[in-house]
Every structure is written in structure tokens, then in C-alpha cells.
Amino acid sequence: MTKRITLPPLGEHDDDWLTILAWLYGRSRASQAAALISVGVAEQKAEVATMLEYMAQKRGITVDELVKSILGGTIDDDRDDSIDEE
């Protein structure tokens, strides 16, 4: 089963380019957005795998356990988010 996600609105520039790309590829805007997200995710898989290994090791668990807890929404998020607030 595919989970539906709701994304925030795009900025005007990105929204226009999404519309143009969808037209060029003969897709709906939603289908084009999904394709772009899939490409972005695929491009980051190696880096994400490295990050997951680090975070799992830091917590003393396996990568599989970390992934299961992230996807299940049961992970304790003890990261320091203060950097994001600067």
C-alpha cells in the first residue's frame, strides 16, 4: 500500500517549472513531481546509507533496527536540532 503524503506548496518559480516539465514529458503535475522525487531519492541513496550506518552505530543498534524504527515512527529523536534554528 502506498502512503499518501501532503507536500507544502512550491514557490512560484518551481511551480512554473514543474508545470513546464509535466507538459514536456506528457505527464500530470503530480506524476512529474513523483518522478522528480524518485530521481532525487535515488541520487542520495549512497549518502543516506552512510548516514544511517553512522546513526545506528551511535545508538548501538543495527541499520535494520534503525530503519524499522524510523519507518514505524517509533524512534526516539534525540538529535540536536539547534543547528537548524540558526
N, C-alpha and C. Protein backbone atom coordinates (compact mmCIF):
# COMPACT_ATOMS: atom_id res chain seq x y z
N MET A 1 0.85 -1.18 0.00
CA MET A 1 0.00 0.00 0.00
C MET A 1 0.90 1.25 0.00
N THR A 2 0.60 2.19 -0.86
CA THR A 2 1.35 3.43 -0.94
C THR A 2 0.76 4.44 0.02
N LYS A 3 1.63 5.05 0.81
CA LYS A 3 1.19 6.09 1.73
C LYS A 3 1.07 7.40 0.96
N ARG A 4 0.00 8.12 1.19
CA ARG A 4 -0.17 9.43 0.59
C ARG A 4 0.51 10.45 1.48
N ILE A 5 1.28 11.33 0.86
CA ILE A 5 1.90 12.40 1.62
C ILE A 5 1.40 13.73 1.08
N THR A 6 1.37 14.70 1.93
CA THR A 6 0.99 16.04 1.51
C THR A 6 2.24 16.91 1.58
N LEU A 7 2.54 17.54 0.49
CA LEU A 7 3.71 18.42 0.43
C LEU A 7 3.27 19.86 0.50
N PRO A 8 4.12 20.70 1.06
CA PRO A 8 3.78 22.13 1.08
C PRO A 8 3.80 22.68 -0.34
N PRO A 9 3.15 23.81 -0.56
CA PRO A 9 3.14 24.38 -1.91
C PRO A 9 4.56 24.75 -2.35
N LEU A 10 4.77 24.67 -3.64
CA LEU A 10 6.05 25.09 -4.21
C LEU A 10 6.07 26.61 -4.35
N GLY A 11 7.26 27.15 -4.43
CA GLY A 11 7.39 28.56 -4.76
C GLY A 11 6.96 28.78 -6.21
N GLU A 12 6.69 30.00 -6.55
CA GLU A 12 6.18 30.32 -7.90
C GLU A 12 7.11 29.81 -9.00
N HIS A 13 8.40 30.03 -8.85
CA HIS A 13 9.38 29.62 -9.86
C HIS A 13 9.37 28.11 -10.06
N ASP A 14 9.47 27.34 -8.95
CA ASP A 14 9.47 25.89 -9.04
C ASP A 14 8.14 25.35 -9.54
N ASP A 15 7.05 25.98 -9.15
CA ASP A 15 5.74 25.56 -9.61
C ASP A 15 5.62 25.71 -11.12
N ASP A 16 6.11 26.84 -11.63
CA ASP A 16 6.08 27.06 -13.08
C ASP A 16 6.91 26.01 -13.81
N TRP A 17 8.11 25.71 -13.30
CA TRP A 17 8.97 24.73 -13.95
C TRP A 17 8.39 23.33 -13.87
N LEU A 18 7.72 23.01 -12.78
CA LEU A 18 7.05 21.72 -12.68
C LEU A 18 5.97 21.60 -13.75
N THR A 19 5.21 22.66 -13.94
CA THR A 19 4.16 22.66 -14.97
C THR A 19 4.78 22.48 -16.35
N ILE A 20 5.88 23.16 -16.62
CA ILE A 20 6.56 23.06 -17.92
C ILE A 20 7.10 21.65 -18.13
N LEU A 21 7.78 21.10 -17.12
CA LEU A 21 8.32 19.74 -17.24
C LEU A 21 7.21 18.73 -17.46
N ALA A 22 6.12 18.86 -16.72
CA ALA A 22 5.00 17.93 -16.89
C ALA A 22 4.47 17.99 -18.31
N TRP A 23 4.35 19.18 -18.85
CA TRP A 23 3.86 19.32 -20.22
C TRP A 23 4.83 18.69 -21.21
N LEU A 24 6.13 18.97 -21.04
CA LEU A 24 7.14 18.43 -21.95
C LEU A 24 7.17 16.91 -21.96
N TYR A 25 6.99 16.30 -20.78
CA TYR A 25 7.03 14.85 -20.68
C TYR A 25 5.65 14.20 -20.83
N GLY A 26 4.63 15.01 -21.04
CA GLY A 26 3.28 14.47 -21.24
C GLY A 26 2.73 13.79 -20.00
N ARG A 27 3.04 14.36 -18.84
CA ARG A 27 2.59 13.79 -17.58
C ARG A 27 1.71 14.80 -16.84
N SER A 28 1.00 14.30 -15.86
CA SER A 28 0.31 15.21 -14.95
C SER A 28 1.35 15.86 -14.05
N ARG A 29 0.99 16.95 -13.41
CA ARG A 29 1.92 17.61 -12.48
C ARG A 29 2.28 16.68 -11.33
N ALA A 30 1.29 15.93 -10.82
CA ALA A 30 1.54 15.01 -9.72
C ALA A 30 2.50 13.89 -10.14
N SER A 31 2.30 13.37 -11.33
CA SER A 31 3.17 12.30 -11.84
C SER A 31 4.58 12.83 -12.06
N GLN A 32 4.71 14.03 -12.57
CA GLN A 32 6.03 14.63 -12.79
C GLN A 32 6.72 14.89 -11.46
N ALA A 33 5.98 15.37 -10.47
CA ALA A 33 6.56 15.62 -9.15
C ALA A 33 7.06 14.31 -8.55
N ALA A 34 6.28 13.23 -8.68
CA ALA A 34 6.70 11.94 -8.16
C ALA A 34 7.97 11.45 -8.85
N ALA A 35 8.04 11.65 -10.16
CA ALA A 35 9.24 11.24 -10.90
C ALA A 35 10.47 12.02 -10.42
N LEU A 36 10.31 13.31 -10.20
CA LEU A 36 11.43 14.13 -9.73
C LEU A 36 11.88 13.72 -8.33
N ILE A 37 10.93 13.42 -7.47
CA ILE A 37 11.27 12.97 -6.12
C ILE A 37 12.00 11.63 -6.19
N SER A 38 11.53 10.71 -7.03
CA SER A 38 12.18 9.41 -7.17
C SER A 38 13.63 9.55 -7.62
N VAL A 39 13.87 10.43 -8.57
CA VAL A 39 15.23 10.67 -9.04
C VAL A 39 16.09 11.24 -7.91
N GLY A 40 15.54 12.19 -7.17
CA GLY A 40 16.28 12.79 -6.06
C GLY A 40 16.62 11.78 -4.98
N VAL A 41 15.68 10.92 -4.66
CA VAL A 41 15.91 9.88 -3.65
C VAL A 41 17.00 8.93 -4.15
N ALA A 42 16.91 8.49 -5.39
CA ALA A 42 17.89 7.57 -5.95
C ALA A 42 19.30 8.17 -5.93
N GLU A 43 19.41 9.46 -6.21
CA GLU A 43 20.71 10.13 -6.21
C GLU A 43 21.33 10.20 -4.83
N GLN A 44 20.52 10.16 -3.78
CA GLN A 44 21.02 10.32 -2.41
C GLN A 44 21.19 9.01 -1.65
N LYS A 45 20.85 7.87 -2.25
CA LYS A 45 20.84 6.60 -1.53
C LYS A 45 22.19 6.27 -0.89
N ALA A 46 23.29 6.44 -1.61
CA ALA A 46 24.61 6.09 -1.07
C ALA A 46 24.95 6.96 0.15
N GLU A 47 24.69 8.25 0.05
CA GLU A 47 24.96 9.15 1.16
C GLU A 47 24.05 8.84 2.36
N VAL A 48 22.80 8.54 2.09
CA VAL A 48 21.86 8.21 3.15
C VAL A 48 22.28 6.91 3.84
N ALA A 49 22.75 5.93 3.09
CA ALA A 49 23.19 4.67 3.67
C ALA A 49 24.35 4.91 4.63
N THR A 50 25.28 5.78 4.25
CA THR A 50 26.40 6.13 5.13
C THR A 50 25.91 6.82 6.39
N MET A 51 24.96 7.72 6.25
CA MET A 51 24.41 8.43 7.40
C MET A 51 23.68 7.46 8.33
N LEU A 52 22.92 6.52 7.77
CA LEU A 52 22.21 5.54 8.57
C LEU A 52 23.18 4.66 9.36
N GLU A 53 24.26 4.25 8.71
CA GLU A 53 25.27 3.44 9.40
C GLU A 53 25.83 4.20 10.60
N TYR A 54 26.15 5.46 10.40
CA TYR A 54 26.70 6.27 11.48
C TYR A 54 25.70 6.41 12.63
N MET A 55 24.45 6.76 12.30
CA MET A 55 23.44 6.97 13.33
C MET A 55 23.11 5.68 14.08
N ALA A 56 23.09 4.55 13.37
CA ALA A 56 22.82 3.27 14.02
C ALA A 56 23.96 2.92 14.98
N GLN A 57 25.19 3.08 14.51
CA GLN A 57 26.34 2.78 15.35
C GLN A 57 26.34 3.68 16.59
N LYS A 58 26.02 4.94 16.41
CA LYS A 58 25.97 5.88 17.52
C LYS A 58 24.95 5.44 18.57
N ARG A 59 23.85 4.84 18.13
CA ARG A 59 22.79 4.39 19.04
C ARG A 59 22.98 2.96 19.53
N GLY A 60 24.01 2.27 19.00
CA GLY A 60 24.27 0.90 19.42
C GLY A 60 23.26 -0.10 18.90
N ILE A 61 22.70 0.18 17.71
CA ILE A 61 21.73 -0.73 17.09
C ILE A 61 22.17 -1.01 15.66
N THR A 62 21.49 -1.95 15.01
CA THR A 62 21.80 -2.24 13.61
C THR A 62 21.10 -1.24 12.70
N VAL A 63 21.57 -1.17 11.48
CA VAL A 63 20.92 -0.30 10.49
C VAL A 63 19.48 -0.76 10.26
N ASP A 64 19.27 -2.08 10.21
CA ASP A 64 17.91 -2.60 10.02
C ASP A 64 16.98 -2.17 11.16
N GLU A 65 17.48 -2.22 12.39
CA GLU A 65 16.67 -1.78 13.53
C GLU A 65 16.36 -0.28 13.43
N LEU A 66 17.35 0.51 13.02
CA LEU A 66 17.15 1.95 12.87
C LEU A 66 16.10 2.23 11.80
N VAL A 67 16.24 1.59 10.65
CA VAL A 67 15.29 1.80 9.55
C VAL A 67 13.88 1.40 9.99
N LYS A 68 13.76 0.26 10.66
CA LYS A 68 12.45 -0.20 11.12
C LYS A 68 11.82 0.82 12.08
N SER A 69 12.63 1.37 12.98
CA SER A 69 12.08 2.34 13.94
C SER A 69 11.74 3.67 13.27
N ILE A 70 12.51 4.06 12.26
CA ILE A 70 12.20 5.30 11.53
C ILE A 70 10.88 5.12 10.77
N LEU A 71 10.78 4.04 10.01
CA LEU A 71 9.57 3.80 9.21
C LEU A 71 8.35 3.54 10.07
N GLY A 72 8.55 2.94 11.25
CA GLY A 72 7.45 2.66 12.16
C GLY A 72 7.07 3.84 13.03
N GLY A 73 7.87 4.91 12.97
CA GLY A 73 7.57 6.09 13.76
C GLY A 73 7.82 5.90 15.25
N THR A 74 8.68 4.93 15.58
CA THR A 74 8.92 4.65 17.00
C THR A 74 10.28 5.11 17.48
N ILE A 75 11.04 5.79 16.66
CA ILE A 75 12.40 6.19 17.03
C ILE A 75 12.36 7.37 18.00
N ASP A 76 13.25 7.30 18.99
CA ASP A 76 13.46 8.45 19.87
C ASP A 76 14.36 9.41 19.13
N ASP A 77 13.86 10.58 18.85
CA ASP A 77 14.63 11.56 18.09
C ASP A 77 15.36 12.47 19.07
N ASP A 78 16.58 12.06 19.41
CA ASP A 78 17.36 12.84 20.37
C ASP A 78 18.43 13.69 19.69
N ARG A 79 18.23 13.95 18.41
CA ARG A 79 19.20 14.79 17.70
C ARG A 79 19.11 16.21 18.20
N ASP A 80 20.22 16.93 18.09
CA ASP A 80 20.28 18.34 18.48
C ASP A 80 19.87 19.16 17.26
N ASP A 81 18.64 19.66 17.27
CA ASP A 81 18.15 20.43 16.13
C ASP A 81 18.46 21.92 16.24
N SER A 82 19.26 22.32 17.22
CA SER A 82 19.54 23.74 17.39
C SER A 82 20.26 24.33 16.19
N ILE A 83 21.00 23.50 15.44
CA ILE A 83 21.71 23.99 14.26
C ILE A 83 20.70 24.48 13.22
N ASP A 84 19.58 23.76 13.09
CA ASP A 84 18.56 24.13 12.11
C ASP A 84 17.90 25.48 12.43
N GLU A 85 17.96 25.87 13.67
CA GLU A 85 17.27 27.10 14.09
C GLU A 85 18.11 28.34 13.87
N GLU A 86 19.38 28.18 13.54
CA GLU A 86 20.25 29.35 13.37
C GLU A 86 19.99 30.05 12.07
